[in-house]
Structures are given as structure tokens and as C-alpha cells.
């Protein structure tokens, strides 16, 4: 009988030790409130980061388009020079020497005059192209600056064409610019 009473007292002590008291329940409520606060701060931080990411994505999209448009301007001038060589024209700068500041489209055969066309690019049927009207459906403007230069290479004066393709656009009231510069030579 002694053993059974010892066993009962041990069980009773364990039950009392593991039973919840009133102050234990209040402590778990405080823990829950703190946990909800920490999670809320985490969600707010994540939302702020997502908002800034969306803003940056728009800026990066415009910057990528502008850099491609600037590179396209250089490529169009290079294509005009190469076409002059293929047509066996004597002047490799034919169509480029008429003006030092002009516009080009993806299919241009020569530099377009700024006074006829406006510098803003319209996006039509998958292509960016200059128009003659004042309205634009994009924020991008491109112009080309050509400068004839020379340098001494191996003791000889070599004439080359410095091509600057400049794309401007407006973002949040500020003008952004990308400029690509390349030198074209009469290597034929």
C-alpha cells in the first residue's frame, strides 16, 4: 500500500506542475500579439520593396529601349556607308555629308533633315520611326551628329566619321539621355 500511495502522490505532483495557471495564459496572449506585430512589420517591408522594384522596372525598361534605339542609330549610319561601298560609289559618305545633325530610321538611305521631320519616335507596327507631325506616341527622341575627323595612322592622315547617336526621354519630369559614339572608317 505504501507503494500505491507514493505513486499517487508522484502523479498528483506531476499534474500540478503541468497544469496551466492564470498568468501562463496571459503570457501566451502577449506572445501572440508580439508575433503578429513582427509578421506585420515583415509584410510592410516586403510591400515597400515590391513597390520600389516596380518603379525601377519601369525605369530600366525605358533605359533598355533607349540604349537599343541609340545603337540602332549607329547601325543605320554604318548600313548607309556599307551600301555606298556595295553600289561602288566613289564617296563612301554619300548621303551622310549633307548635314552634320539629322535623324535616321531603321530603313533610312540617308540622313533625314531635322527641319522636315521631328525628332520624336513613334512606335508603329513594331518599329520606331520619325514622323512629320508634332504628335508622339512614345517618350523617346533620337538624333544623329556626324563629325568628319582625321588622325595620323602609320604616318598617313586617315579621315573617319565620328557618329553620335543620342536618345533623350522624359522620366518623372527629368530628361534622361543615352549617347552612343562610334568611329566609321573608309576601310575599302
N, C-alpha and C. Protein backbone atom coordinates (compact mmCIF):
# COMPACT_ATOMS: atom_id res chain seq x y z
N UNK A 1 0.79 -1.19 0.00
CA UNK A 1 0.00 0.00 0.00
C UNK A 1 0.84 1.27 0.00
N UNK A 2 1.96 1.15 0.54
CA UNK A 2 2.86 2.30 0.57
C UNK A 2 3.28 2.66 -0.86
N UNK A 3 3.49 1.68 -1.62
CA UNK A 3 3.92 1.95 -2.98
C UNK A 3 2.82 2.64 -3.77
N UNK A 4 1.58 2.25 -3.58
CA UNK A 4 0.48 2.86 -4.33
C UNK A 4 0.31 4.31 -3.89
N UNK A 5 0.43 4.59 -2.60
CA UNK A 5 0.28 5.98 -2.16
C UNK A 5 1.43 6.85 -2.65
N UNK A 6 2.62 6.31 -2.69
CA UNK A 6 3.75 7.04 -3.27
C UNK A 6 3.52 7.34 -4.74
N UNK A 7 2.98 6.40 -5.43
CA UNK A 7 2.69 6.57 -6.85
C UNK A 7 1.62 7.63 -7.06
N UNK A 8 0.58 7.61 -6.20
CA UNK A 8 -0.48 8.62 -6.30
C UNK A 8 0.08 10.01 -6.02
N UNK A 9 0.94 10.14 -5.04
CA UNK A 9 1.49 11.46 -4.72
C UNK A 9 2.42 11.95 -5.83
N UNK A 10 3.14 11.06 -6.46
CA UNK A 10 4.01 11.46 -7.57
C UNK A 10 3.17 11.92 -8.77
N UNK A 11 2.09 11.20 -9.04
CA UNK A 11 1.22 11.57 -10.16
C UNK A 11 0.56 12.91 -9.86
N UNK A 12 0.14 13.10 -8.64
CA UNK A 12 -0.50 14.35 -8.24
C UNK A 12 0.45 15.52 -8.38
N UNK A 13 1.71 15.34 -7.99
CA UNK A 13 2.70 16.41 -8.12
C UNK A 13 2.96 16.74 -9.59
N UNK A 14 3.03 15.75 -10.44
CA UNK A 14 3.27 15.98 -11.87
C UNK A 14 2.10 16.71 -12.51
N UNK A 15 0.87 16.34 -12.11
CA UNK A 15 -0.30 17.01 -12.65
C UNK A 15 -0.34 18.46 -12.22
N UNK A 16 0.02 18.74 -10.99
CA UNK A 16 0.02 20.12 -10.52
C UNK A 16 1.11 20.94 -11.22
N UNK A 17 2.23 20.34 -11.49
CA UNK A 17 3.34 21.05 -12.14
C UNK A 17 3.00 21.35 -13.60
N UNK A 18 2.24 20.46 -14.26
CA UNK A 18 1.94 20.66 -15.68
C UNK A 18 0.64 21.40 -15.92
N UNK A 19 -0.14 21.63 -14.90
CA UNK A 19 -1.41 22.33 -15.11
C UNK A 19 -1.15 23.82 -15.38
N UNK A 20 -2.04 24.44 -16.20
CA UNK A 20 -1.90 25.85 -16.56
C UNK A 20 -2.43 26.71 -15.43
N UNK A 21 -1.72 27.78 -15.22
CA UNK A 21 -2.15 28.76 -14.24
C UNK A 21 -2.63 29.98 -14.99
N UNK A 22 -3.30 30.88 -14.32
CA UNK A 22 -3.89 32.05 -14.94
C UNK A 22 -2.84 32.95 -15.59
N UNK A 23 -1.70 33.16 -14.95
CA UNK A 23 -0.68 34.03 -15.50
C UNK A 23 0.00 33.39 -16.72
N UNK A 24 0.01 32.08 -16.86
CA UNK A 24 0.56 31.42 -18.04
C UNK A 24 -0.28 31.74 -19.28
N UNK A 25 -1.59 31.78 -19.15
CA UNK A 25 -2.47 32.07 -20.29
C UNK A 25 -2.23 33.51 -20.78
N UNK A 26 -2.04 34.45 -19.91
CA UNK A 26 -1.77 35.84 -20.29
C UNK A 26 -0.44 35.97 -21.02
N UNK A 27 0.53 35.22 -20.64
CA UNK A 27 1.83 35.26 -21.28
C UNK A 27 1.72 34.77 -22.72
N UNK A 28 0.96 33.78 -23.03
CA UNK A 28 0.80 33.29 -24.40
C UNK A 28 0.04 34.30 -25.26
N UNK A 29 -0.86 35.07 -24.69
CA UNK A 29 -1.56 36.11 -25.42
C UNK A 29 -0.57 37.21 -25.82
N UNK A 30 0.32 37.58 -24.93
CA UNK A 30 1.35 38.59 -25.23
C UNK A 30 2.28 38.07 -26.32
N UNK A 31 2.65 36.81 -26.25
CA UNK A 31 3.50 36.22 -27.28
C UNK A 31 2.83 36.28 -28.64
N UNK A 32 1.53 36.00 -28.68
CA UNK A 32 0.79 36.02 -29.94
C UNK A 32 0.74 37.44 -30.51
N UNK A 33 0.52 38.45 -29.67
CA UNK A 33 0.48 39.83 -30.13
C UNK A 33 1.84 40.25 -30.69
N UNK A 34 2.92 39.89 -30.01
CA UNK A 34 4.27 40.22 -30.48
C UNK A 34 4.55 39.51 -31.82
N UNK A 35 4.15 38.27 -31.93
CA UNK A 35 4.38 37.52 -33.18
C UNK A 35 3.62 38.16 -34.34
N UNK A 36 2.38 38.59 -34.10
CA UNK A 36 1.60 39.26 -35.15
C UNK A 36 2.27 40.58 -35.54
N UNK A 37 2.79 41.31 -34.57
CA UNK A 37 3.49 42.56 -34.86
C UNK A 37 4.73 42.33 -35.71
N UNK A 38 5.52 41.31 -35.40
CA UNK A 38 6.72 41.00 -36.16
C UNK A 38 6.36 40.61 -37.59
N UNK A 39 5.34 39.81 -37.75
CA UNK A 39 4.90 39.39 -39.09
C UNK A 39 4.40 40.60 -39.88
N UNK A 40 3.67 41.50 -39.21
CA UNK A 40 3.17 42.71 -39.89
C UNK A 40 4.32 43.57 -40.38
N UNK A 41 5.33 43.76 -39.57
CA UNK A 41 6.50 44.55 -39.98
C UNK A 41 7.18 43.88 -41.18
N UNK A 42 7.26 42.59 -41.18
CA UNK A 42 7.84 41.86 -42.32
C UNK A 42 7.05 42.07 -43.59
N UNK A 43 5.71 42.02 -43.51
CA UNK A 43 4.87 42.23 -44.69
C UNK A 43 4.98 43.66 -45.20
N UNK A 44 5.02 44.62 -44.31
CA UNK A 44 5.15 46.02 -44.73
C UNK A 44 6.49 46.23 -45.44
N UNK A 45 7.54 45.66 -44.91
CA UNK A 45 8.85 45.75 -45.55
C UNK A 45 8.85 45.13 -46.94
N UNK A 46 8.21 43.99 -47.07
CA UNK A 46 8.13 43.32 -48.37
C UNK A 46 7.34 44.16 -49.36
N UNK A 47 6.26 44.80 -48.92
CA UNK A 47 5.46 45.64 -49.81
C UNK A 47 6.25 46.86 -50.27
N UNK A 48 7.04 47.46 -49.39
CA UNK A 48 7.86 48.60 -49.76
C UNK A 48 8.88 48.18 -50.82
N UNK A 49 9.50 47.05 -50.64
CA UNK A 49 10.49 46.55 -51.60
C UNK A 49 9.82 46.27 -52.95
N UNK A 50 8.64 45.67 -52.95
CA UNK A 50 7.93 45.40 -54.20
C UNK A 50 7.56 46.69 -54.92
N UNK A 51 7.15 47.68 -54.18
CA UNK A 51 6.79 48.97 -54.78
C UNK A 51 8.00 49.61 -55.45
N UNK A 52 9.14 49.62 -54.78
CA UNK A 52 10.36 50.19 -55.35
C UNK A 52 10.83 49.38 -56.55
N UNK A 53 10.67 48.07 -56.50
CA UNK A 53 11.06 47.22 -57.63
C UNK A 53 10.23 47.52 -58.85
N UNK A 54 8.94 47.71 -58.67
CA UNK A 54 8.06 48.04 -59.81
C UNK A 54 8.46 49.38 -60.42
N UNK A 55 8.80 50.34 -59.59
CA UNK A 55 9.23 51.65 -60.09
C UNK A 55 10.54 51.52 -60.87
N UNK A 56 11.48 50.77 -60.35
CA UNK A 56 12.76 50.57 -61.04
C UNK A 56 12.60 49.79 -62.33
N UNK A 57 11.67 48.85 -62.36
CA UNK A 57 11.44 48.06 -63.57
C UNK A 57 11.00 48.95 -64.72
N UNK A 58 10.14 49.92 -64.46
CA UNK A 58 9.72 50.86 -65.49
C UNK A 58 10.88 51.69 -66.01
N UNK A 59 11.71 52.17 -65.10
CA UNK A 59 12.88 52.96 -65.49
C UNK A 59 13.85 52.11 -66.32
N UNK A 60 14.09 50.89 -65.88
CA UNK A 60 15.02 50.02 -66.60
C UNK A 60 14.49 49.66 -67.99
N UNK A 61 13.18 49.47 -68.09
CA UNK A 61 12.57 49.16 -69.39
C UNK A 61 12.83 50.31 -70.36
N UNK A 62 12.60 51.55 -69.93
CA UNK A 62 12.84 52.70 -70.79
C UNK A 62 14.32 52.86 -71.12
N UNK A 63 15.18 52.59 -70.17
CA UNK A 63 16.62 52.70 -70.41
C UNK A 63 17.10 51.66 -71.42
N UNK A 64 16.57 50.46 -71.34
CA UNK A 64 16.95 49.42 -72.30
C UNK A 64 16.48 49.78 -73.70
N UNK A 65 15.24 50.25 -73.82
CA UNK A 65 14.72 50.65 -75.13
C UNK A 65 15.57 51.79 -75.69
N UNK A 66 15.89 52.78 -74.86
CA UNK A 66 16.70 53.92 -75.31
C UNK A 66 18.08 53.47 -75.77
N UNK A 67 18.70 52.55 -75.05
CA UNK A 67 20.04 52.10 -75.45
C UNK A 67 19.98 51.34 -76.77
N UNK A 68 18.93 50.57 -76.98
CA UNK A 68 18.78 49.87 -78.26
C UNK A 68 18.52 50.85 -79.40
N UNK A 69 17.73 51.88 -79.14
CA UNK A 69 17.47 52.90 -80.16
C UNK A 69 18.75 53.66 -80.52
N UNK A 70 19.58 53.95 -79.53
CA UNK A 70 20.85 54.63 -79.79
C UNK A 70 21.78 53.73 -80.61
N UNK A 71 21.86 52.46 -80.26
CA UNK A 71 22.69 51.52 -81.02
C UNK A 71 22.15 51.37 -82.45
N UNK A 72 20.83 51.37 -82.60
CA UNK A 72 20.23 51.27 -83.93
C UNK A 72 20.64 52.46 -84.80
N UNK A 73 20.71 53.65 -84.22
CA UNK A 73 21.15 54.82 -84.96
C UNK A 73 22.53 54.65 -85.54
N UNK A 74 23.45 54.11 -84.76
CA UNK A 74 24.82 53.84 -85.24
C UNK A 74 24.78 52.81 -86.37
N UNK A 75 24.00 51.76 -86.18
CA UNK A 75 23.93 50.69 -87.18
C UNK A 75 23.34 51.19 -88.50
N UNK A 76 22.37 52.09 -88.44
CA UNK A 76 21.78 52.63 -89.67
C UNK A 76 22.83 53.43 -90.44
N UNK A 77 23.61 54.26 -89.75
CA UNK A 77 24.67 55.03 -90.41
C UNK A 77 25.71 54.07 -91.01
N UNK A 78 26.07 53.03 -90.28
CA UNK A 78 27.02 52.04 -90.79
C UNK A 78 26.44 51.35 -92.04
N UNK A 79 25.14 51.07 -92.02
CA UNK A 79 24.50 50.43 -93.17
C UNK A 79 24.53 51.34 -94.39
N UNK A 80 24.31 52.65 -94.19
CA UNK A 80 24.37 53.60 -95.31
C UNK A 80 25.78 53.61 -95.90
N UNK A 81 26.80 53.65 -95.04
CA UNK A 81 28.19 53.62 -95.52
C UNK A 81 28.47 52.33 -96.30
N UNK A 82 28.05 51.19 -95.76
CA UNK A 82 28.29 49.91 -96.43
C UNK A 82 27.54 49.82 -97.75
N UNK A 83 26.34 50.35 -97.82
CA UNK A 83 25.57 50.37 -99.07
C UNK A 83 26.29 51.21 -100.12
N UNK A 84 26.89 52.32 -99.70
CA UNK A 84 27.66 53.14 -100.64
C UNK A 84 28.81 52.33 -101.24
N UNK A 85 29.48 51.53 -100.44
CA UNK A 85 30.56 50.70 -100.97
C UNK A 85 30.03 49.67 -101.94
N UNK A 86 28.92 49.03 -101.59
CA UNK A 86 28.36 47.98 -102.46
C UNK A 86 27.90 48.54 -103.80
N UNK A 87 27.43 49.77 -103.81
CA UNK A 87 26.99 50.40 -105.05
C UNK A 87 28.16 50.98 -105.84
N UNK A 88 29.37 50.76 -105.34
CA UNK A 88 30.61 51.25 -105.98
C UNK A 88 30.60 52.75 -106.17
N UNK A 89 29.99 53.47 -105.25
CA UNK A 89 30.03 54.92 -105.32
C UNK A 89 31.42 55.38 -104.87
N UNK A 90 31.87 56.47 -105.45
CA UNK A 90 33.21 56.94 -105.11
C UNK A 90 33.27 57.52 -103.71
N UNK A 91 32.19 58.13 -103.26
CA UNK A 91 32.20 58.75 -101.94
C UNK A 91 31.55 57.81 -100.93
N UNK A 92 32.32 57.33 -100.01
CA UNK A 92 31.78 56.41 -99.01
C UNK A 92 30.85 57.11 -98.03
N UNK A 93 30.84 58.45 -98.04
CA UNK A 93 29.98 59.23 -97.16
C UNK A 93 28.74 59.78 -97.87
N UNK A 94 28.45 59.28 -99.06
CA UNK A 94 27.30 59.78 -99.81
C UNK A 94 26.02 59.60 -98.98
N UNK A 95 25.25 60.67 -98.87
CA UNK A 95 24.02 60.64 -98.08
C UNK A 95 24.25 60.98 -96.62
N UNK A 96 25.52 61.07 -96.23
CA UNK A 96 25.84 61.37 -94.83
C UNK A 96 26.48 62.75 -94.67
N UNK A 97 27.06 63.27 -95.72
CA UNK A 97 27.77 64.53 -95.62
C UNK A 97 26.89 65.75 -95.82
N UNK A 98 25.60 65.54 -96.12
CA UNK A 98 24.72 66.67 -96.39
C UNK A 98 24.50 67.53 -95.16
N UNK A 99 24.46 66.90 -94.03
CA UNK A 99 24.22 67.63 -92.78
C UNK A 99 25.01 66.95 -91.68
N UNK A 100 25.37 67.71 -90.68
CA UNK A 100 26.11 67.11 -89.57
C UNK A 100 25.19 66.71 -88.43
N UNK A 101 23.92 67.09 -88.53
CA UNK A 101 22.97 66.79 -87.46
C UNK A 101 21.66 66.40 -88.14
N UNK A 102 21.21 65.18 -87.89
CA UNK A 102 19.99 64.73 -88.55
C UNK A 102 19.35 63.56 -87.84
N UNK A 103 18.45 62.92 -88.54
CA UNK A 103 17.67 61.81 -87.99
C UNK A 103 17.79 60.61 -88.90
N UNK A 104 17.64 59.42 -88.35
CA UNK A 104 17.60 58.20 -89.14
C UNK A 104 16.51 57.29 -88.61
N UNK A 105 15.93 56.52 -89.53
CA UNK A 105 15.01 55.45 -89.17
C UNK A 105 15.69 54.13 -89.52
N UNK A 106 15.09 53.04 -89.11
CA UNK A 106 15.69 51.73 -89.33
C UNK A 106 15.92 51.43 -90.82
N UNK A 107 15.16 52.07 -91.71
CA UNK A 107 15.28 51.79 -93.14
C UNK A 107 15.77 53.00 -93.94
N UNK A 108 16.43 53.94 -93.30
CA UNK A 108 16.89 55.16 -93.96
C UNK A 108 18.00 54.86 -94.96
N UNK A 109 17.98 55.60 -96.08
CA UNK A 109 19.04 55.52 -97.08
C UNK A 109 20.00 56.70 -96.96
N UNK A 110 19.60 57.70 -96.21
CA UNK A 110 20.45 58.87 -95.96
C UNK A 110 19.97 59.53 -94.67
N UNK A 111 20.73 60.49 -94.24
CA UNK A 111 20.38 61.23 -93.03
C UNK A 111 19.18 62.12 -93.32
N UNK A 112 18.15 62.07 -92.48
CA UNK A 112 16.95 62.88 -92.66
C UNK A 112 17.17 64.26 -92.06
N UNK A 113 16.57 65.25 -92.66
CA UNK A 113 16.73 66.63 -92.21
C UNK A 113 15.85 66.91 -91.00
N UNK A 114 16.40 67.57 -89.98
CA UNK A 114 15.65 67.91 -88.77
C UNK A 114 14.49 68.86 -89.03
N UNK A 115 14.60 69.70 -90.07
CA UNK A 115 13.55 70.69 -90.29
C UNK A 115 12.28 70.07 -90.88
N UNK A 116 12.39 68.92 -91.53
CA UNK A 116 11.22 68.26 -92.12
C UNK A 116 10.57 67.31 -91.12
N UNK A 117 11.39 66.54 -90.44
CA UNK A 117 10.90 65.53 -89.51
C UNK A 117 11.12 66.01 -88.08
N UNK A 118 10.26 65.55 -87.17
CA UNK A 118 10.52 65.87 -85.77
C UNK A 118 11.37 64.76 -85.16
N UNK A 119 12.02 65.06 -84.07
CA UNK A 119 12.97 64.11 -83.50
C UNK A 119 12.33 63.05 -82.63
N UNK A 120 11.03 63.16 -82.37
CA UNK A 120 10.41 62.13 -81.53
C UNK A 120 10.11 60.89 -82.36
N UNK A 121 10.18 59.75 -81.71
CA UNK A 121 9.96 58.48 -82.38
C UNK A 121 8.56 57.97 -82.06
N UNK A 122 7.86 57.55 -83.09
CA UNK A 122 6.54 56.93 -82.92
C UNK A 122 6.70 55.43 -83.08
N UNK A 123 5.98 54.69 -82.26
CA UNK A 123 6.01 53.23 -82.33
C UNK A 123 4.82 52.79 -83.16
N UNK A 124 5.09 52.31 -84.37
CA UNK A 124 4.03 51.91 -85.30
C UNK A 124 4.39 50.55 -85.90
N UNK A 125 3.48 49.61 -85.78
CA UNK A 125 3.64 48.28 -86.39
C UNK A 125 4.96 47.61 -86.00
N UNK A 126 5.36 47.75 -84.75
CA UNK A 126 6.56 47.07 -84.26
C UNK A 126 7.87 47.80 -84.52
N UNK A 127 7.80 49.03 -85.07
CA UNK A 127 9.01 49.78 -85.37
C UNK A 127 8.92 51.19 -84.79
N UNK A 128 10.08 51.73 -84.42
CA UNK A 128 10.17 53.13 -84.00
C UNK A 128 10.56 53.93 -85.23
N UNK A 129 9.80 54.99 -85.53
CA UNK A 129 10.03 55.75 -86.75
C UNK A 129 9.71 57.22 -86.50
N UNK A 130 10.48 58.11 -87.15
CA UNK A 130 10.23 59.54 -87.07
C UNK A 130 9.02 59.89 -87.93
N UNK A 131 8.30 60.90 -87.50
CA UNK A 131 7.15 61.35 -88.26
C UNK A 131 7.25 62.82 -88.59
N UNK A 132 6.32 63.28 -89.43
CA UNK A 132 6.30 64.69 -89.81
C UNK A 132 5.33 65.49 -88.96
N UNK A 133 4.49 64.80 -88.18
CA UNK A 133 3.55 65.52 -87.31
C UNK A 133 4.19 65.78 -85.96
N UNK A 134 3.60 66.68 -85.22
CA UNK A 134 4.15 67.04 -83.91
C UNK A 134 3.78 66.04 -82.82
N UNK A 135 2.83 65.17 -83.08
CA UNK A 135 2.39 64.24 -82.03
C UNK A 135 3.34 63.04 -81.95
N UNK A 136 3.53 62.58 -80.74
CA UNK A 136 4.39 61.41 -80.48
C UNK A 136 3.61 60.42 -79.63
N UNK A 137 3.81 59.13 -79.90
CA UNK A 137 3.19 58.14 -79.04
C UNK A 137 4.21 57.44 -78.14
N UNK A 138 5.45 57.94 -78.12
CA UNK A 138 6.46 57.45 -77.18
C UNK A 138 7.15 58.65 -76.53
N UNK A 139 7.98 58.37 -75.55
CA UNK A 139 8.72 59.44 -74.87
C UNK A 139 10.11 59.65 -75.47
N UNK A 140 10.47 58.85 -76.48
CA UNK A 140 11.84 58.84 -77.00
C UNK A 140 12.04 59.81 -78.15
N UNK A 141 13.22 60.47 -78.14
CA UNK A 141 13.66 61.33 -79.24
C UNK A 141 15.09 60.93 -79.57
N UNK A 142 15.37 60.80 -80.88
CA UNK A 142 16.73 60.41 -81.29
C UNK A 142 17.22 61.35 -82.37
N UNK A 143 18.48 61.74 -82.28
CA UNK A 143 19.12 62.47 -83.36
C UNK A 143 20.57 62.00 -83.48
N UNK A 144 21.09 62.21 -84.66
CA UNK A 144 22.43 61.75 -85.01
C UNK A 144 23.31 62.97 -85.27
N UNK A 145 24.52 62.95 -84.75
CA UNK A 145 25.50 64.01 -85.00
C UNK A 145 26.71 63.36 -85.68
N UNK A 146 27.04 63.86 -86.87
CA UNK A 146 28.18 63.35 -87.64
C UNK A 146 29.28 64.40 -87.66
N UNK A 147 30.51 63.96 -87.43
CA UNK A 147 31.66 64.86 -87.45
C UNK A 147 32.79 64.19 -88.22
N UNK A 148 33.26 64.85 -89.29
CA UNK A 148 34.42 64.33 -90.01
C UNK A 148 35.66 64.70 -89.22
N UNK A 149 36.51 63.71 -89.02
CA UNK A 149 37.75 63.93 -88.29
C UNK A 149 38.87 63.22 -89.02
N UNK A 150 40.08 63.48 -88.59
CA UNK A 150 41.23 62.77 -89.15
C UNK A 150 42.23 62.48 -88.04
N UNK A 151 43.01 61.46 -88.29
CA UNK A 151 44.07 61.10 -87.34
C UNK A 151 45.25 60.54 -88.14
N UNK A 152 46.41 60.54 -87.54
CA UNK A 152 47.60 60.03 -88.19
C UNK A 152 47.77 58.56 -87.78
N UNK A 153 47.75 57.67 -88.77
CA UNK A 153 47.96 56.24 -88.54
C UNK A 153 49.10 55.80 -89.44
N UNK A 154 50.15 55.29 -88.86
CA UNK A 154 51.35 54.84 -89.60
C UNK A 154 51.89 55.93 -90.52
N UNK A 155 51.87 57.17 -90.03
CA UNK A 155 52.43 58.28 -90.79
C UNK A 155 51.50 58.85 -91.85
N UNK A 156 50.29 58.31 -92.00
CA UNK A 156 49.35 58.82 -93.00
C UNK A 156 48.13 59.40 -92.32
N UNK A 157 47.61 60.46 -92.92
CA UNK A 157 46.38 61.08 -92.40
C UNK A 157 45.18 60.25 -92.87
N UNK A 158 44.38 59.82 -91.93
CA UNK A 158 43.22 58.98 -92.23
C UNK A 158 41.97 59.74 -91.80
N UNK A 159 41.02 59.86 -92.73
CA UNK A 159 39.76 60.53 -92.44
C UNK A 159 38.77 59.49 -91.94
N UNK A 160 38.03 59.86 -90.89
CA UNK A 160 36.99 58.98 -90.39
C UNK A 160 35.78 59.81 -89.98
N UNK A 161 34.70 59.14 -89.76
CA UNK A 161 33.45 59.80 -89.40
C UNK A 161 33.09 59.41 -87.98
N UNK A 162 33.03 60.41 -87.09
CA UNK A 162 32.56 60.15 -85.72
C UNK A 162 31.04 60.25 -85.73
N UNK A 163 30.38 59.19 -85.29
CA UNK A 163 28.92 59.13 -85.29
C UNK A 163 28.46 59.11 -83.84
N UNK A 164 27.60 60.07 -83.49
CA UNK A 164 26.99 60.12 -82.17
C UNK A 164 25.49 59.89 -82.35
N UNK A 165 24.98 58.90 -81.68
CA UNK A 165 23.54 58.64 -81.68
C UNK A 165 23.04 58.96 -80.28
N UNK A 166 22.15 59.95 -80.20
CA UNK A 166 21.70 60.47 -78.90
C UNK A 166 20.20 60.25 -78.77
N UNK A 167 19.80 59.58 -77.69
CA UNK A 167 18.39 59.34 -77.40
C UNK A 167 18.05 60.02 -76.08
N UNK A 168 17.01 60.84 -76.11
CA UNK A 168 16.51 61.54 -74.92
C UNK A 168 15.10 61.06 -74.62
N UNK A 169 14.71 61.08 -73.34
CA UNK A 169 13.34 60.81 -72.94
C UNK A 169 13.08 61.45 -71.60
N UNK A 170 11.82 61.66 -71.31
CA UNK A 170 11.40 62.28 -70.06
C UNK A 170 10.97 61.20 -69.07
N UNK A 171 11.45 61.34 -67.84
CA UNK A 171 11.03 60.43 -66.78
C UNK A 171 10.89 61.23 -65.49
N UNK A 172 9.68 61.25 -64.97
CA UNK A 172 9.36 61.97 -63.73
C UNK A 172 9.85 63.43 -63.79
N UNK A 173 9.63 64.08 -64.92
CA UNK A 173 9.98 65.48 -65.07
C UNK A 173 11.44 65.75 -65.36
N UNK A 174 12.25 64.73 -65.47
CA UNK A 174 13.67 64.90 -65.75
C UNK A 174 13.99 64.33 -67.12
N UNK A 175 14.89 64.99 -67.84
CA UNK A 175 15.34 64.50 -69.13
C UNK A 175 16.49 63.52 -68.92
N UNK A 176 16.33 62.33 -69.44
CA UNK A 176 17.37 61.30 -69.40
C UNK A 176 17.97 61.18 -70.79
N UNK A 177 19.26 60.88 -70.87
CA UNK A 177 19.96 60.81 -72.16
C UNK A 177 20.88 59.60 -72.20
N UNK A 178 20.87 58.94 -73.35
CA UNK A 178 21.86 57.90 -73.64
C UNK A 178 22.54 58.29 -74.95
N UNK A 179 23.85 58.25 -74.94
CA UNK A 179 24.62 58.63 -76.12
C UNK A 179 25.58 57.50 -76.46
N UNK A 180 25.56 57.08 -77.73
CA UNK A 180 26.48 56.06 -78.21
C UNK A 180 27.35 56.71 -79.28
N UNK A 181 28.66 56.50 -79.19
CA UNK A 181 29.60 57.09 -80.14
C UNK A 181 30.41 55.98 -80.79
N UNK A 182 30.57 56.09 -82.11
CA UNK A 182 31.38 55.12 -82.85
C UNK A 182 32.12 55.85 -83.95
N UNK A 183 33.23 55.32 -84.38
CA UNK A 183 34.01 55.89 -85.48
C UNK A 183 33.91 54.95 -86.68
N UNK A 184 33.59 55.52 -87.84
CA UNK A 184 33.49 54.75 -89.08
C UNK A 184 34.61 55.19 -90.00
N UNK A 185 35.30 54.23 -90.58
CA UNK A 185 36.44 54.50 -91.45
C UNK A 185 36.13 54.05 -92.87
N UNK A 186 36.86 54.64 -93.82
CA UNK A 186 36.80 54.21 -95.21
C UNK A 186 37.85 53.12 -95.37
N UNK A 187 37.51 51.92 -95.00
CA UNK A 187 38.50 50.86 -94.98
C UNK A 187 38.58 50.10 -96.30
N UNK A 188 37.71 50.41 -97.26
CA UNK A 188 37.71 49.66 -98.51
C UNK A 188 38.81 50.14 -99.43
